[in-house]
Structures are given as structure tokens and as C-alpha cells.
Amino acid sequence: MAEEYFDVVIVGAGLSGIGAAWHLQDKCPEKRYLILEGRDSMGGTWDLFRYPGIRSDSDMYTLGYNFRPWKEGKAIADGPSILKYIRETASEAGIDRNIRYQKMVTAAKWSSEDAAWTVTTHDTVSNEVIKIRCNFLLMCSGYYNYEQGYLPEFTGRDSFRGEVVHPQHWPEALDYSGRQVVIIGSGATAVTLVPELAKKAEQVVMLQRSPTYMAAAPDTDWIARLLQWLLPEKTAYSIIRWKNIQFQRWIYWQTRTAPQRVRKKLLKMARKELGKGVDFDKHFVPSYDPWDQRLCLVPNGDFFEAIRNGRAAVVTDTIAEFTENGIRLESGQELEADIIVTATGLDLCVLGDVQISVDDQLIDISTTFSYKSMMFSDVPNLISTFGYINASWTLKADLTAEFSCRLLNHMTDTGMRQCTPRLRDDERGMAGRDWIDVFSSGYIQRKTHLLPKQGDRPPWLNTQNYALDKKTIGEDPLEDGFLQFCNPGNK
């Protein structure tokens, strides 16, 4: 049987993949595309994670697509609402008709002779191996392992008689009513779980090695609601989106230029929210500067309220071992637990762990340089979506999708079928820097050696700067001397 051929294959039917498909349909309507999704439903993160209280940690006016206004009341939205938004976007645009589910992409091989990728998929139901050919590959598979989260080795893990749960695979039938719950971790997931579980549990303890910055904010943007009432939908959305982007940029810029001032303000706000009765210096004063790790948003101050009313507590210590009845700490204290939740983070992976080869040469992505944080040196016709760490993911996803369409149209207009980022002669001795070098979170640091490198000059920088990216990605010429175009092979 002949292998099917598409102009573009999109890997992943999550927030990024659905957005990429919408832009492709809108700006490159003549291109025939297919979305391959390894799971049995769309939505990515927002379909996979089902733990109680799951919500965004970015406002939906910027986490939402630039082409589809967010209409719900809450700016900080719950997981089911975000999943509904993604599904409605796909359904309204007919994107859902172009998705093939349970097709796990395992390898992609580029042939310069044919100017085509051969994408190998594994059908997770039938175990059949299916190969599909395409000219261009858009990797929208996210940045972490969907099969499992990060779980450190805990001494005595098997001796614990209760239940151990990782938030990435929350059991639907788990009953935590009236039970003692210990949550290991202090990131966004833990901060979300604490107030939600505290509604029913007898007691919730968040066990952390070190404190995290937290900031309370309303989950409803009342300025946005007013503008939505006064103005046409798209006009209001554009203004709100611009306002929130500028606010995000200003906050991040402040953390880079005046970290101590921002630190003082954040700690003052948290101290006020918590009131008296907690050891604030021990449990809520981080050792790092703001935004060296992601800031935890606390909608409506719900986490702080759970601590104030005594339904939840924070313990700062390290784990010695699991015991039959809970966790023994290095200090000697033992935390009793019926349920232990390991909110210990994500297991980062690169390009969905797809094996990439070019002309029969296996590519180690960690040895490549990243072109505008989207493409890889000497790898043709492949664009990868990786959102911002200091702003909403979708801001970068939209820019990446729009660039993809601009590039595809340019190649069509010029009759070119291959586009490859290449270092120029004077850049071949350029020292490689960590692709993300301003972020100390564990999930990045554990796997930074697998990521591509960034250089010391454009376009080999991963700027993490939306305003700059909007110009360099959205407006700079494609014929820049770094992207090399040619027309090999036949379709």
C-alpha cells in the first residue's frame, strides 16, 4: 500500500496543535494537513491532567488563542473550561476532522532526495506500524512525558500502607474525604491541590524542601469584563490581551532589573494574606530571586485561606524515608498520612521523544543550535513549538504557527521545497549556551542537557521576550542568510 502524503503533518492535538492547524487553514488554505495524536482525545495537558482544582496559572486572555476571544467569566480558568475552549475551536473550524487519534509518532526521517519526511506511527490499539509522508513537520507535542511524571526515589516507598498518587495520573475514584493527606512539592500543582483537597480532607500538609514565591490575585479580571460589556467582542479581546501582555512583561522586567524590590513586595503581600500564626521566614521566604522559578499564582488567595483556617499546613524539611503510616523527615518528625500526593513535577522530553534523522543520519538535537527557538541547525522543514516560561505558552505558540505559515507560503511562492537553518562559517566555532539559561526549576535543570543550544547572537538566541520575538519571528525577512532554500527531489 502506498504511503499517504500530506503537505504538512502536525504532531499533537493539544493547545499548540489545534492552534497551528487553525493558522494553517486560515493562511495556507491550499495545504493539505494531518494531525497525529498519540492519545485517544484532543486537549493535551488539559485533557490529561484531571486532579482536583486543576486550573491555568496564566490568564486566559493571553493563554487563549489570538484569533479566538476567551468569553468565560474567569480569567484564571479551570481545566474543564480550557478543554472545552480547545474542543470548540477545533469543532468550529473543522479541525477535528483532520485528527487521527491513538497514532503515536515514534520516528521521522527526512530525505533530501524526495524533499519529504517519512513519519512512523504506532497505533496504540492495533499495534500496527503506519508510515505517512509529508513535506513539512510541525512538532506540537508539548515538552513533557505524558506517560509518567517525575518521581524521585523515596526510601521505604513500598512500606507505606496508604495510597501514593501522582497528579499527572489522578485516580478518578480517589476518596480523600476525612483523610490525612500529605502533598510533596511546592509548585503550581501543589499550591492548587492544597485548598481544593482541604475542602474535604481532615488535614492537608504541603511538604516542601524550600519555599516558593506566591501571589494572590482575583480569578476574574473586572476591567476585562467591563470592556467586554462596552465594546465589540474582538475589539475588547484585543485590548484586554494587549493590557495583560504588557503587565506580564512589566512584572518580569521588574524581577530582572529590581529583584530585591519585587521580592520585598511579594513577601509583604504573602505575609499580609497569611496573618499571624505561621513561621513565615521558614515556610514562605524563598532563597532565590523572583522568576528564577515560575511564580505561583493563588486565585482569590485560596491557598492562604486554607492555611489561615487550619485546614492545611506547610512543613519545610527533607524526606528521610516513607514509613508504614506516613513520612519520616530528616528532622525526626513523622507526618502521618492516609494519602501521599507526589506533586514532584514533570519529566521533560524533547520533540515528544521522536527519533529524528536526516538523510539516514540520526540527529542528536542537543548538538544543534536553535534558530529563533523554533527550528534546528541542519534539520530541514521542521518547526517545534515551545512556549514561554515567563509568560503565557500560547503567545509563543501563536507566533510559531504564524511563522510556519509565512514560511510555507514563501516556499510555495518561490518554488522551494526545502528550508534548512544553517550556521554561517563565522559561527561554526560559536560556544553553545543552555537553551533556557534564566530558569532554575527542577524539570528544566534535570533535562537541560537534552535541549538544543542557543548561541551568542541572533538568530540563535532563545530570548524569552515576546515583544522582541513578535518582530524577529513575525516581521524579519525569511531570506536572512541563515535559512537556506532549495528545491530537491520530486513530490
Protein backbone atom coordinates (compact mmCIF):
# COMPACT_ATOMS: atom_id res chain seq x y z
CA MET A 1 0.00 0.00 0.00
CA ALA A 2 1.36 3.43 -0.95
CA GLU A 3 2.16 5.72 1.93
CA GLU A 4 -0.21 8.67 2.31
CA TYR A 5 1.23 12.08 1.54
CA PHE A 6 0.35 15.43 3.14
CA ASP A 7 1.83 18.86 2.71
CA VAL A 8 2.07 19.24 6.50
CA VAL A 9 1.89 16.84 9.42
CA ILE A 10 1.20 18.28 12.88
CA VAL A 11 2.24 16.12 15.83
CA GLY A 12 -0.04 16.66 18.82
CA ALA A 13 -3.68 17.72 19.21
CA GLY A 14 -3.27 19.88 22.30
CA LEU A 15 -3.45 23.64 22.68
CA SER A 16 -0.49 24.18 20.31
CA GLY A 17 -1.51 21.62 17.68
CA ILE A 18 -5.09 22.86 17.34
CA GLY A 19 -3.82 26.44 17.14
CA ALA A 20 -1.27 25.53 14.47
CA ALA A 21 -3.99 23.84 12.43
CA TRP A 22 -6.25 26.89 12.65
CA HIS A 23 -3.50 29.20 11.42
CA LEU A 24 -2.65 26.75 8.65
CA GLN A 25 -6.24 26.62 7.44
CA ASP A 26 -6.53 30.39 7.63
CA LYS A 27 -3.26 31.41 5.95
CA CYS A 28 -2.36 28.37 3.82
CA PRO A 29 -5.79 27.04 2.78
CA GLU A 30 -4.37 25.08 -0.14
CA LYS A 31 -2.10 22.99 2.10
CA ARG A 32 -3.34 19.51 2.94
CA TYR A 33 -2.54 18.63 6.54
CA LEU A 34 -3.00 15.90 9.11
CA ILE A 35 -2.78 15.92 12.92
CA LEU A 36 -1.37 12.81 14.60
CA GLU A 37 -2.29 12.37 18.26
CA GLY A 38 -0.98 9.53 20.40
CA ARG A 39 -3.82 9.66 22.92
CA ASP A 40 -7.49 8.93 22.30
CA SER A 41 -8.69 12.54 22.65
CA MET A 42 -7.60 16.10 21.98
CA GLY A 43 -6.60 18.69 24.54
CA GLY A 44 -3.12 17.62 25.58
CA THR A 45 -2.33 18.86 29.08
CA TRP A 46 -5.90 19.96 29.68
CA ASP A 47 -7.28 16.52 28.89
CA LEU A 48 -4.54 14.51 30.61
CA PHE A 49 -4.49 16.26 33.98
CA ARG A 50 -7.64 15.59 36.00
CA TYR A 51 -6.58 16.31 39.56
CA PRO A 52 -8.98 18.30 41.78
CA GLY A 53 -8.98 22.03 41.15
CA ILE A 54 -6.76 21.96 38.05
CA ARG A 55 -6.57 25.43 36.56
CA SER A 56 -4.41 27.69 34.45
CA ASP A 57 -1.62 29.68 36.05
CA SER A 58 -1.80 32.26 33.26
CA ASP A 59 -4.75 34.48 32.41
CA MET A 60 -6.90 33.15 29.60
CA TYR A 61 -6.79 36.41 27.67
CA THR A 62 -3.17 35.57 26.87
CA LEU A 63 -3.27 31.78 27.22
CA GLY A 64 -6.20 31.82 24.79
CA TYR A 65 -5.57 31.99 21.05
CA ASN A 66 -5.01 35.36 19.41
CA PHE A 67 -7.77 34.54 16.89
CA ARG A 68 -10.49 33.31 19.25
CA PRO A 69 -11.67 35.51 22.14
CA TRP A 70 -11.95 33.97 25.59
CA LYS A 71 -15.59 34.50 26.60
CA GLU A 72 -15.85 32.84 30.00
CA GLY A 73 -16.13 34.91 33.16
CA LYS A 74 -12.96 33.76 34.88
CA ALA A 75 -9.58 34.90 33.62
CA ILE A 76 -7.89 32.18 35.67
CA ALA A 77 -9.85 29.24 34.32
CA ASP A 78 -10.36 25.67 35.45
CA GLY A 79 -9.11 22.76 33.37
CA PRO A 80 -12.50 21.62 32.04
CA SER A 81 -13.26 25.14 30.75
CA ILE A 82 -9.93 25.30 28.92
CA LEU A 83 -10.51 21.85 27.42
CA LYS A 84 -13.95 22.98 26.24
CA TYR A 85 -12.36 26.04 24.62
CA ILE A 86 -9.85 23.89 22.71
CA ARG A 87 -12.52 21.43 21.57
CA GLU A 88 -14.88 24.18 20.44
CA THR A 89 -12.06 25.81 18.46
CA ALA A 90 -11.36 22.52 16.69
CA SER A 91 -15.01 21.75 16.05
CA GLU A 92 -16.00 25.19 14.75
CA ALA A 93 -13.09 25.23 12.28
CA GLY A 94 -13.49 21.60 11.20
CA ILE A 95 -10.03 20.81 12.51
CA ASP A 96 -11.31 17.75 14.36
CA ARG A 97 -11.93 16.04 11.00
CA ASN A 98 -8.18 16.09 10.34
CA ILE A 99 -7.08 14.37 13.55
CA ARG A 100 -6.09 10.72 13.80
CA TYR A 101 -6.06 9.51 17.37
CA GLN A 102 -4.02 6.77 19.03
CA LYS A 103 -1.25 7.28 16.49
CA MET A 104 1.94 7.63 18.49
CA VAL A 105 4.75 9.11 16.42
CA THR A 106 8.00 7.28 17.09
CA ALA A 107 10.32 8.41 14.29
CA ALA A 108 10.65 10.93 11.48
CA LYS A 109 13.16 10.52 8.66
CA TRP A 110 13.97 13.29 6.20
CA SER A 111 15.03 12.50 2.65
CA SER A 112 16.64 15.36 0.74
CA GLU A 113 16.27 13.36 -2.46
CA ASP A 114 12.49 13.36 -2.06
CA ALA A 115 12.19 16.60 -0.04
CA ALA A 116 9.94 14.67 2.32
CA TRP A 117 9.61 13.37 5.85
CA THR A 118 8.57 9.78 6.43
CA VAL A 119 6.75 9.77 9.76
CA THR A 120 6.47 6.43 11.54
CA THR A 121 3.50 5.97 13.86
CA HIS A 122 2.46 3.20 16.20
CA ASP A 123 -1.25 2.53 16.52
CA THR A 124 -1.74 2.14 20.28
CA VAL A 125 -4.82 -0.06 19.79
CA SER A 126 -3.89 -2.39 16.93
CA ASN A 127 -0.09 -2.18 17.37
CA GLU A 128 0.10 -1.56 13.64
CA VAL A 129 3.01 0.49 12.34
CA ILE A 130 1.87 3.12 9.85
CA LYS A 131 4.08 5.43 7.79
CA ILE A 132 2.97 8.79 6.45
CA ARG A 133 4.95 11.13 4.21
CA CYS A 134 4.89 14.92 4.27
CA ASN A 135 6.92 17.89 3.13
CA PHE A 136 6.79 19.82 6.41
CA LEU A 137 6.63 18.68 10.03
CA LEU A 138 5.19 20.79 12.86
CA MET A 139 6.05 19.39 16.29
CA CYS A 140 3.35 20.47 18.75
CA SER A 141 3.71 17.62 21.22
CA GLY A 142 4.49 19.70 24.29
CA TYR A 143 7.54 19.41 26.47
CA TYR A 144 6.95 16.62 28.94
CA ASN A 145 6.46 12.87 29.08
CA TYR A 146 2.73 12.08 29.04
CA GLU A 147 3.32 8.53 30.25
CA GLN A 148 4.74 9.49 33.62
CA GLY A 149 5.68 12.46 35.74
CA TYR A 150 8.93 12.96 37.59
CA LEU A 151 9.11 10.80 40.71
CA PRO A 152 12.24 10.74 42.87
CA GLU A 153 13.35 7.55 44.59
CA PHE A 154 11.91 7.51 48.09
CA THR A 155 13.45 5.15 50.65
CA GLY A 156 10.82 2.86 52.11
CA ARG A 157 8.25 3.69 49.42
CA ASP A 158 6.84 0.13 49.45
CA SER A 159 6.37 0.11 53.21
CA PHE A 160 3.71 2.83 53.15
CA ARG A 161 0.27 1.26 53.70
CA GLY A 162 -1.74 4.12 52.25
CA GLU A 163 -2.18 5.37 48.69
CA VAL A 164 0.51 7.19 46.71
CA VAL A 165 -0.79 9.36 43.87
CA HIS A 166 0.98 11.46 41.23
CA PRO A 167 -1.17 14.37 39.97
CA GLN A 168 -0.40 13.51 36.34
CA HIS A 169 -2.48 10.35 36.72
CA TRP A 170 -5.08 11.16 39.34
CA PRO A 171 -7.42 8.22 40.09
CA GLU A 172 -10.98 9.25 39.28
CA ALA A 173 -12.39 7.31 42.23
CA LEU A 174 -9.90 8.52 44.86
CA ASP A 175 -11.79 9.46 48.02
CA TYR A 176 -9.87 11.83 50.25
CA SER A 177 -12.83 12.89 52.42
CA GLY A 178 -11.93 12.94 56.10
CA ARG A 179 -8.43 11.66 55.44
CA GLN A 180 -4.92 12.84 56.21
CA VAL A 181 -3.19 14.00 53.03
CA VAL A 182 0.47 14.92 52.57
CA ILE A 183 1.39 16.70 49.33
CA ILE A 184 5.08 16.57 48.43
CA GLY A 185 6.07 19.68 46.49
CA SER A 186 5.51 23.43 46.46
CA GLY A 187 5.00 24.30 42.80
CA ALA A 188 1.84 25.33 40.98
CA THR A 189 0.27 21.87 41.20
CA ALA A 190 0.75 21.60 44.97
CA VAL A 191 -0.48 25.16 45.52
CA THR A 192 -3.60 24.30 43.51
CA LEU A 193 -4.22 21.00 45.28
CA VAL A 194 -3.88 22.25 48.85
CA PRO A 195 -7.02 24.43 49.02
CA GLU A 196 -9.07 22.02 46.90
CA LEU A 197 -8.27 18.91 48.95
CA ALA A 198 -8.66 20.89 52.18
CA LYS A 199 -12.38 21.28 51.43
CA LYS A 200 -12.97 17.58 52.21
CA ALA A 201 -9.84 16.15 53.80
CA GLU A 202 -9.39 16.08 57.55
CA GLN A 203 -5.98 17.74 57.19
CA VAL A 204 -3.67 18.62 54.30
CA VAL A 205 0.07 19.13 54.74
CA MET A 206 2.23 20.57 51.97
CA LEU A 207 5.73 19.19 52.47
CA GLN A 208 8.39 21.26 50.75
CA ARG A 209 12.17 21.29 50.64
CA SER A 210 12.19 25.06 50.19
CA PRO A 211 9.63 27.88 49.84
CA THR A 212 8.15 29.24 46.63
CA TYR A 213 7.00 32.75 45.75
CA MET A 214 3.21 33.02 45.77
CA ALA A 215 0.97 35.90 44.79
CA ALA A 216 -2.76 36.20 45.34
CA ALA A 217 -4.91 37.67 42.56
CA PRO A 218 -8.61 37.66 41.66
CA ASP A 219 -9.63 34.93 39.24
CA THR A 220 -11.87 37.44 37.43
CA ASP A 221 -10.46 40.40 35.51
CA TRP A 222 -13.11 43.04 36.12
CA ILE A 223 -11.54 45.53 33.72
CA ALA A 224 -11.81 42.84 31.07
CA ARG A 225 -15.45 42.16 31.93
CA LEU A 226 -16.24 45.88 31.65
CA LEU A 227 -14.54 46.16 28.26
CA GLN A 228 -16.41 43.07 27.05
CA TRP A 229 -19.66 44.75 28.03
CA LEU A 230 -18.80 48.09 26.40
CA LEU A 231 -17.03 47.05 23.20
CA PRO A 232 -17.42 44.60 20.31
CA GLU A 233 -16.07 41.16 21.20
CA LYS A 234 -12.91 41.16 19.07
CA THR A 235 -12.05 44.76 19.92
CA ALA A 236 -12.40 44.10 23.64
CA TYR A 237 -10.32 40.93 23.41
CA SER A 238 -7.51 42.71 21.56
CA ILE A 239 -7.35 45.48 24.16
CA ILE A 240 -7.50 43.08 27.11
CA ARG A 241 -4.86 40.85 25.57
CA TRP A 242 -2.57 43.82 24.93
CA LYS A 243 -3.10 45.07 28.51
CA ASN A 244 -2.27 41.71 30.05
CA ILE A 245 0.76 41.12 27.82
CA GLN A 246 2.17 44.49 28.86
CA PHE A 247 1.53 43.70 32.52
CA GLN A 248 3.27 40.33 32.23
CA ARG A 249 6.26 41.98 30.52
CA TRP A 250 6.43 44.72 33.14
CA ILE A 251 6.35 42.26 36.03
CA TYR A 252 9.06 40.09 34.51
CA TRP A 253 11.21 43.11 33.64
CA GLN A 254 10.92 44.29 37.25
CA THR A 255 12.14 40.91 38.51
CA ARG A 256 15.22 41.20 36.27
CA THR A 257 16.06 44.85 37.00
CA ALA A 258 14.93 45.25 40.62
CA PRO A 259 14.68 41.73 42.08
CA GLN A 260 15.02 42.80 45.69
CA ARG A 261 12.23 45.34 45.39
CA VAL A 262 9.92 42.76 43.82
CA ARG A 263 10.94 40.19 46.42
CA LYS A 264 10.11 42.59 49.23
CA LYS A 265 6.71 43.38 47.73
CA LEU A 266 5.77 39.74 47.13
CA LEU A 267 6.76 38.72 50.63
CA LYS A 268 4.86 41.65 52.14
CA MET A 269 1.72 40.64 50.25
CA ALA A 270 2.05 36.98 51.27
CA ARG A 271 2.67 37.89 54.91
CA LYS A 272 -0.47 40.01 54.92
CA GLU A 273 -2.53 37.19 53.37
CA LEU A 274 -1.31 34.63 55.91
CA GLY A 275 -1.60 36.76 59.03
CA LYS A 276 -0.08 35.56 62.26
CA GLY A 277 0.36 32.01 63.44
CA VAL A 278 2.81 30.71 60.81
CA ASP A 279 6.59 30.66 60.74
CA PHE A 280 6.73 32.92 57.71
CA ASP A 281 10.50 33.15 57.39
CA LYS A 282 10.89 29.38 57.38
CA HIS A 283 7.99 28.41 55.13
CA PHE A 284 7.42 31.36 52.79
CA VAL A 285 10.74 33.13 52.14
CA PRO A 286 12.47 31.61 49.08
CA SER A 287 16.24 31.55 48.71
CA TYR A 288 16.16 32.62 45.03
CA ASP A 289 15.07 35.76 43.22
CA PRO A 290 11.53 36.12 41.83
CA TRP A 291 11.04 34.44 38.43
CA ASP A 292 14.24 32.41 38.70
CA GLN A 293 11.50 29.83 39.05
CA ARG A 294 7.90 30.27 37.99
CA LEU A 295 5.79 32.39 40.31
CA CYS A 296 2.81 30.54 41.81
CA LEU A 297 -0.49 32.30 41.29
CA VAL A 298 -3.06 31.94 44.08
CA PRO A 299 -6.52 32.80 42.67
CA ASN A 300 -8.60 34.67 45.24
CA GLY A 301 -5.99 33.80 47.87
CA ASP A 302 -7.49 30.31 48.33
CA PHE A 303 -4.20 28.69 49.36
CA PHE A 304 -3.58 31.33 52.01
CA GLU A 305 -7.13 30.96 53.31
CA ALA A 306 -6.68 27.20 53.72
CA ILE A 307 -3.56 27.85 55.82
CA ARG A 308 -5.29 30.55 57.89
CA ASN A 309 -8.31 28.44 58.76
CA GLY A 310 -6.16 25.49 59.86
CA ARG A 311 -7.40 23.01 57.25
CA ALA A 312 -3.93 22.98 55.71
CA ALA A 313 -0.36 23.45 56.90
CA VAL A 314 3.14 23.79 55.45
CA VAL A 315 6.16 21.81 56.59
CA THR A 316 9.65 22.65 55.31
CA ASP A 317 12.04 19.73 55.61
CA THR A 318 13.56 16.88 53.62
CA ILE A 319 12.34 13.29 53.47
CA ALA A 320 14.33 10.60 55.25
CA GLU A 321 12.00 7.74 54.34
CA PHE A 322 8.46 6.58 53.86
CA THR A 323 7.07 4.61 56.80
CA GLU A 324 4.01 2.43 57.24
CA ASN A 325 1.98 5.39 58.41
CA GLY A 326 3.44 8.30 56.50
CA ILE A 327 6.76 10.09 56.06
CA ARG A 328 9.67 10.45 58.45
CA LEU A 329 11.63 13.66 57.95
CA GLU A 330 15.33 14.33 58.40
CA SER A 331 14.45 16.38 61.48
CA GLY A 332 12.97 13.24 63.04
CA GLN A 333 9.38 14.46 62.77
CA GLU A 334 6.90 11.98 61.29
CA LEU A 335 3.97 13.11 59.18
CA GLU A 336 1.04 10.73 59.34
CA ALA A 337 -0.81 10.20 56.09
CA ASP A 338 -3.56 8.14 54.53
CA ILE A 339 -2.71 9.53 51.08
CA ILE A 340 0.60 10.88 49.80
CA VAL A 341 0.44 13.06 46.69
CA THR A 342 3.76 13.31 44.87
CA ALA A 343 3.48 16.74 43.21
CA THR A 344 7.14 16.42 42.30
CA GLY A 345 6.99 17.79 38.78
CA LEU A 346 7.19 16.86 35.14
CA ASP A 347 9.56 14.64 33.22
CA LEU A 348 10.69 16.86 30.36
CA CYS A 349 11.22 15.36 26.92
CA VAL A 350 12.36 16.86 23.64
CA LEU A 351 10.22 16.70 20.47
CA GLY A 352 7.98 14.09 22.06
CA ASP A 353 10.94 11.68 22.21
CA VAL A 354 10.55 11.19 18.44
CA GLN A 355 13.69 9.83 16.80
CA ILE A 356 14.76 12.35 14.15
CA SER A 357 17.09 11.54 11.26
CA VAL A 358 18.21 13.46 8.19
CA ASP A 359 19.40 11.53 5.15
CA ASP A 360 19.90 8.41 7.26
CA GLN A 361 21.92 10.31 9.89
CA LEU A 362 20.41 10.18 13.38
CA ILE A 363 20.14 13.70 14.83
CA ASP A 364 21.05 14.46 18.41
CA ILE A 365 19.01 17.61 19.00
CA SER A 366 21.23 18.60 21.93
CA THR A 367 24.11 19.18 19.50
CA THR A 368 22.10 21.52 17.27
CA PHE A 369 21.65 25.27 17.56
CA SER A 370 18.13 26.62 17.85
CA TYR A 371 17.05 29.04 15.11
CA LYS A 372 14.71 31.66 16.66
CA SER A 373 13.88 28.99 19.27
CA MET A 374 11.74 27.13 16.69
CA MET A 375 13.98 25.31 14.21
CA PHE A 376 17.25 23.38 14.50
CA SER A 377 20.50 23.83 12.63
CA ASP A 378 20.90 21.42 9.70
CA VAL A 379 17.39 19.95 10.21
CA PRO A 380 15.16 20.81 7.22
CA ASN A 381 11.42 21.55 7.18
CA LEU A 382 10.78 21.05 10.87
CA ILE A 383 9.39 23.61 13.32
CA SER A 384 8.88 22.93 17.01
CA THR A 385 6.53 24.79 19.35
CA PHE A 386 7.83 25.54 22.85
CA GLY A 387 6.05 28.30 24.76
CA TYR A 388 7.39 30.90 27.14
CA ILE A 389 8.48 30.15 30.68
CA ASN A 390 7.94 33.77 31.77
CA ALA A 391 4.62 34.42 30.03
CA SER A 392 1.65 32.53 28.61
CA TRP A 393 2.53 29.49 26.50
CA THR A 394 0.17 30.41 23.68
CA LEU A 395 1.80 33.77 22.99
CA LYS A 396 4.78 31.87 21.61
CA ALA A 397 2.63 29.12 20.09
CA ASP A 398 0.70 31.67 18.01
CA LEU A 399 3.93 33.36 16.85
CA THR A 400 5.39 29.98 15.90
CA ALA A 401 2.28 28.96 13.96
CA GLU A 402 2.16 32.27 12.10
CA PHE A 403 5.85 31.97 11.21
CA SER A 404 5.23 28.44 9.92
CA CYS A 405 2.53 29.72 7.60
CA ARG A 406 4.65 32.62 6.41
CA LEU A 407 7.50 30.23 5.65
CA LEU A 408 5.28 27.74 3.85
CA ASN A 409 3.77 30.46 1.67
CA HIS A 410 7.20 31.85 0.87
CA MET A 411 8.41 28.41 -0.20
CA THR A 412 5.33 27.96 -2.39
CA ASP A 413 5.76 31.39 -3.97
CA THR A 414 9.44 30.78 -4.74
CA GLY A 415 9.07 27.15 -5.80
CA MET A 416 11.27 25.88 -2.97
CA ARG A 417 10.61 22.58 -1.20
CA GLN A 418 13.38 22.53 1.40
CA CYS A 419 14.31 25.09 4.05
CA THR A 420 17.25 24.45 6.39
CA PRO A 421 18.70 26.71 9.11
CA ARG A 422 22.49 26.65 8.88
CA LEU A 423 25.30 28.26 10.83
CA ARG A 424 27.43 30.57 8.73
CA ASP A 425 31.16 29.97 8.50
CA ASP A 426 31.99 32.56 11.17
CA GLU A 427 29.51 30.95 13.59
CA ARG A 428 30.74 27.38 13.47
CA GLY A 429 33.05 27.91 16.45
CA MET A 430 30.31 29.64 18.44
CA ALA A 431 30.05 28.40 22.01
CA GLY A 432 26.76 26.74 22.83
CA ARG A 433 24.79 28.01 25.81
CA ASP A 434 21.94 26.34 27.65
CA TRP A 435 18.74 26.81 25.67
CA ILE A 436 16.98 28.06 28.80
CA ASP A 437 19.54 29.81 30.95
CA VAL A 438 17.40 32.02 33.19
CA PHE A 439 15.28 29.41 34.94
CA SER A 440 16.27 27.15 37.81
CA SER A 441 13.18 24.94 38.08
CA GLY A 442 13.98 21.27 38.53
CA TYR A 443 12.10 19.94 35.48
CA ILE A 444 14.26 22.14 33.23
CA GLN A 445 17.54 21.58 35.05
CA ARG A 446 17.15 17.79 35.08
CA LYS A 447 16.95 17.60 31.29
CA THR A 448 18.68 20.74 30.03
CA HIS A 449 21.42 18.55 28.53
CA LEU A 450 18.86 17.15 26.07
CA LEU A 451 17.73 20.52 24.75
CA PRO A 452 19.25 22.30 21.76
CA LYS A 453 21.85 25.00 22.29
CA GLN A 454 21.49 28.71 21.84
CA GLY A 455 24.29 30.85 20.56
CA ASP A 456 25.60 34.27 21.48
CA ARG A 457 23.92 36.23 18.68
CA PRO A 458 20.68 36.32 16.67
CA PRO A 459 19.02 34.32 15.25
CA TRP A 460 20.44 31.60 17.50
CA LEU A 461 19.02 33.08 20.72
CA ASN A 462 16.09 31.89 22.82
CA THR A 463 15.14 35.35 24.02
CA GLN A 464 12.06 34.62 26.15
CA ASN A 465 10.98 38.10 25.08
CA TYR A 466 7.56 38.35 23.43
CA ALA A 467 7.96 41.91 22.17
CA LEU A 468 11.30 41.09 20.52
CA ASP A 469 10.03 37.77 19.16
CA LYS A 470 7.00 39.46 17.67
CA LYS A 471 9.37 41.47 15.48
CA THR A 472 12.08 38.90 14.73
CA ILE A 473 9.70 35.96 14.25
CA GLY A 474 6.76 37.85 12.82
CA GLU A 475 8.36 40.53 10.66
CA ASP A 476 12.05 39.93 9.85
CA PRO A 477 12.78 38.74 6.30
CA LEU A 478 12.84 35.00 5.69
CA GLU A 479 15.70 35.36 3.21
CA ASP A 480 18.09 36.23 6.01
CA GLY A 481 21.19 34.24 5.06
CA PHE A 482 20.56 31.68 7.79
CA LEU A 483 17.59 29.89 6.24
CA GLN A 484 18.82 28.17 3.11
CA PHE A 485 16.23 27.27 0.48
CA CYS A 486 16.48 24.71 -2.30
CA ASN A 487 14.23 22.55 -4.45
CA PRO A 488 15.45 18.95 -4.35
CA GLY A 489 13.57 15.87 -5.44
CA ASN A 490 10.06 15.41 -6.65
CA LYS A 491 6.82 15.23 -4.79
